[in-house]
Every structure is written in C-alpha cells, then in structure tokens.
Amino acid sequence: MSDTSLRPVSTEEPTLDGEHERFSHIVLEGLKPEDGEFIPAGPTVVEGIVNGTPVRALCGKVWVPGRDPRRYPLCPTCREIAERMGWKVPSA
C-alpha cells in the first residue's frame, strides 16, 4: 500500500508506564486506493497540532501531538505494524 499517508509524531501526554513518552509514533491519516479518492482515517497530525484534536497511533496510543518527533526514536510497535503492512518505514 504505497499510497498511504504516514507521518511519525511524538507523544505529549503522560501514560501509565511512561514508555510511549519516549517515542515518536506513526499516525495513519488515511489512504488512497488505486481506483478511488482519499479516505480519511481520522484526525490528521496537523489538525491535532492546530486544533488540539487527539490522534491515534498505529500502536493504539491516543494523544494531542505537540513535540518535535525528530527528537525521539520510532515506537517499535508502530514500526512493526507498519512493516507487516508492507509500508516503507524510515530507518533510525
């Protein structure tokens, strides 16, 4: 599915174990089938930043994005899910 729109983003709000705070996450903003129009999968990262709308990562993490994702390593669960789907994931 090379037409999917993936963007890594980082966590903002604390979690019970704090582990997700240490990672950037992949948010699936939608997909575009070969024979159709773009289908949104939920709020985009930009909507989350501008409007304070929570987004959902592939791993299930829900938060309002606000930190620079380049400062954190990619969530291993998000990476595993994306790779299983056959998506190209940037190397660390």
C-alpha atoms as a PDB file:
ATOM      1  CA  MET A   1       0.000   0.000   0.000  1.00  0.00           C
ATOM      2  CA  SER A   2       2.391   2.667  -1.141  1.00  0.00           C
ATOM      3  CA  ASP A   3      -0.373   5.281  -1.390  1.00  0.00           C
ATOM      4  CA  THR A   4      -0.898   5.511   2.375  1.00  0.00           C
ATOM      5  CA  SER A   5      -0.068   8.716   4.165  1.00  0.00           C
ATOM      6  CA  LEU A   6       2.158   8.031   7.164  1.00  0.00           C
ATOM      7  CA  ARG A   7       3.627  10.622   9.446  1.00  0.00           C
ATOM      8  CA  PRO A   8       5.644   9.957  12.575  1.00  0.00           C
ATOM      9  CA  VAL A   9       4.619  12.101  15.517  1.00  0.00           C
ATOM     10  CA  SER A  10       5.634  12.240  19.154  1.00  0.00           C
ATOM     11  CA  THR A  11       3.729  11.829  22.385  1.00  0.00           C
ATOM     12  CA  GLU A  12       2.606  14.739  24.555  1.00  0.00           C
ATOM     13  CA  GLU A  13       0.548  13.469  27.484  1.00  0.00           C
ATOM     14  CA  PRO A  14       1.951  11.072  30.111  1.00  0.00           C
ATOM     15  CA  THR A  15       0.975   7.409  30.093  1.00  0.00           C
ATOM     16  CA  LEU A  16       0.717   4.965  32.982  1.00  0.00           C
ATOM     17  CA  ASP A  17       4.062   3.358  32.277  1.00  0.00           C
ATOM     18  CA  GLY A  18       5.672   6.362  30.575  1.00  0.00           C
ATOM     19  CA  GLU A  19       7.136   4.217  27.800  1.00  0.00           C
ATOM     20  CA  HIS A  20       5.195   5.883  24.978  1.00  0.00           C
ATOM     21  CA  GLU A  21       6.608   9.251  26.075  1.00  0.00           C
ATOM     22  CA  ARG A  22       9.998   8.196  24.777  1.00  0.00           C
ATOM     23  CA  PHE A  23       8.932   7.529  21.189  1.00  0.00           C
ATOM     24  CA  SER A  24       7.643   9.097  18.010  1.00  0.00           C
ATOM     25  CA  HIS A  25       4.575   7.336  16.642  1.00  0.00           C
ATOM     26  CA  ILE A  26       3.055   6.662  13.222  1.00  0.00           C
ATOM     27  CA  VAL A  27      -0.421   8.073  12.617  1.00  0.00           C
ATOM     28  CA  LEU A  28      -2.368   6.747   9.637  1.00  0.00           C
ATOM     29  CA  GLU A  29      -4.140   9.812   8.346  1.00  0.00           C
ATOM     30  CA  GLY A  30      -5.868   7.961   5.519  1.00  0.00           C
ATOM     31  CA  LEU A  31      -5.295   6.080   2.306  1.00  0.00           C
ATOM     32  CA  LYS A  32      -5.938   6.460  -1.383  1.00  0.00           C
ATOM     33  CA  PRO A  33      -6.973   3.300  -3.211  1.00  0.00           C
ATOM     34  CA  GLU A  34      -5.670   2.929  -6.756  1.00  0.00           C
ATOM     35  CA  ASP A  35      -9.152   3.425  -8.161  1.00  0.00           C
ATOM     36  CA  GLY A  36     -10.629   5.947  -5.753  1.00  0.00           C
ATOM     37  CA  GLU A  37     -10.390   9.113  -3.744  1.00  0.00           C
ATOM     38  CA  PHE A  38      -8.540   9.678  -0.476  1.00  0.00           C
ATOM     39  CA  ILE A  39     -10.306   8.093   2.517  1.00  0.00           C
ATOM     40  CA  PRO A  40      -9.553   9.801   5.843  1.00  0.00           C
ATOM     41  CA  ALA A  41      -8.790   7.509   8.776  1.00  0.00           C
ATOM     42  CA  GLY A  42      -9.255  10.125  11.471  1.00  0.00           C
ATOM     43  CA  PRO A  43      -7.869  13.485  12.531  1.00  0.00           C
ATOM     44  CA  THR A  44      -4.590  14.429  10.856  1.00  0.00           C
ATOM     45  CA  VAL A  45      -1.466  15.353  12.776  1.00  0.00           C
ATOM     46  CA  VAL A  46      -1.836  18.948  11.568  1.00  0.00           C
ATOM     47  CA  GLU A  47      -5.423  19.052  12.910  1.00  0.00           C
ATOM     48  CA  GLY A  48      -4.122  17.721  16.195  1.00  0.00           C
ATOM     49  CA  ILE A  49      -1.451  20.390  16.469  1.00  0.00           C
ATOM     50  CA  VAL A  50      -3.612  23.310  15.294  1.00  0.00           C
ATOM     51  CA  ASN A  51      -6.946  22.394  16.897  1.00  0.00           C
ATOM     52  CA  GLY A  52      -5.787  20.328  19.861  1.00  0.00           C
ATOM     53  CA  THR A  53      -7.547  17.266  18.416  1.00  0.00           C
ATOM     54  CA  PRO A  54      -6.333  13.876  19.690  1.00  0.00           C
ATOM     55  CA  VAL A  55      -4.846  11.493  17.121  1.00  0.00           C
ATOM     56  CA  ARG A  56      -4.369   7.711  17.261  1.00  0.00           C
ATOM     57  CA  ALA A  57      -1.080   5.942  16.501  1.00  0.00           C
ATOM     58  CA  LEU A  58      -0.858   2.531  14.868  1.00  0.00           C
ATOM     59  CA  CYS A  59       0.053   1.101  18.280  1.00  0.00           C
ATOM     60  CA  GLY A  60      -3.154   2.493  19.795  1.00  0.00           C
ATOM     61  CA  LYS A  61      -1.647   5.458  21.635  1.00  0.00           C
ATOM     62  CA  VAL A  62      -4.048   8.452  21.665  1.00  0.00           C
ATOM     63  CA  TRP A  63      -2.743  11.976  22.370  1.00  0.00           C
ATOM     64  CA  VAL A  64      -2.657  15.552  21.162  1.00  0.00           C
ATOM     65  CA  PRO A  65       0.607  15.983  19.189  1.00  0.00           C
ATOM     66  CA  GLY A  66       2.873  18.831  20.118  1.00  0.00           C
ATOM     67  CA  ARG A  67       6.516  17.773  20.360  1.00  0.00           C
ATOM     68  CA  ASP A  68       9.078  17.502  17.589  1.00  0.00           C
ATOM     69  CA  PRO A  69       9.045  13.807  16.546  1.00  0.00           C
ATOM     70  CA  ARG A  70      12.597  14.015  15.195  1.00  0.00           C
ATOM     71  CA  ARG A  71      13.853  14.163  18.781  1.00  0.00           C
ATOM     72  CA  TYR A  72      12.631  10.654  19.616  1.00  0.00           C
ATOM     73  CA  PRO A  73      13.142   7.132  18.243  1.00  0.00           C
ATOM     74  CA  LEU A  74      10.238   5.486  16.427  1.00  0.00           C
ATOM     75  CA  CYS A  75       7.878   3.380  18.544  1.00  0.00           C
ATOM     76  CA  PRO A  76       8.832  -0.266  17.964  1.00  0.00           C
ATOM     77  CA  THR A  77       5.167  -1.348  17.947  1.00  0.00           C
ATOM     78  CA  CYS A  78       4.237   1.262  15.309  1.00  0.00           C
ATOM     79  CA  ARG A  79       7.272   0.197  13.253  1.00  0.00           C
ATOM     80  CA  GLU A  80       6.349  -3.494  13.472  1.00  0.00           C
ATOM     81  CA  ILE A  81       2.740  -2.859  12.427  1.00  0.00           C
ATOM     82  CA  ALA A  82       3.774  -0.634   9.510  1.00  0.00           C
ATOM     83  CA  GLU A  83       6.360  -3.150   8.286  1.00  0.00           C
ATOM     84  CA  ARG A  84       3.832  -6.014   8.493  1.00  0.00           C
ATOM     85  CA  MET A  85       1.557  -3.940   6.251  1.00  0.00           C
ATOM     86  CA  GLY A  86       4.416  -3.678   3.746  1.00  0.00           C
ATOM     87  CA  TRP A  87       4.934   0.056   4.248  1.00  0.00           C
ATOM     88  CA  LYS A  88       8.386   1.607   3.986  1.00  0.00           C
ATOM     89  CA  VAL A  89       9.461   2.885   7.376  1.00  0.00           C
ATOM     90  CA  PRO A  90      12.389   5.320   7.668  1.00  0.00           C
ATOM     91  CA  SER A  91      15.436   3.909   9.390  1.00  0.00           C
ATOM     92  CA  ALA A  92      16.502   5.348  12.719  1.00  0.00           C
END
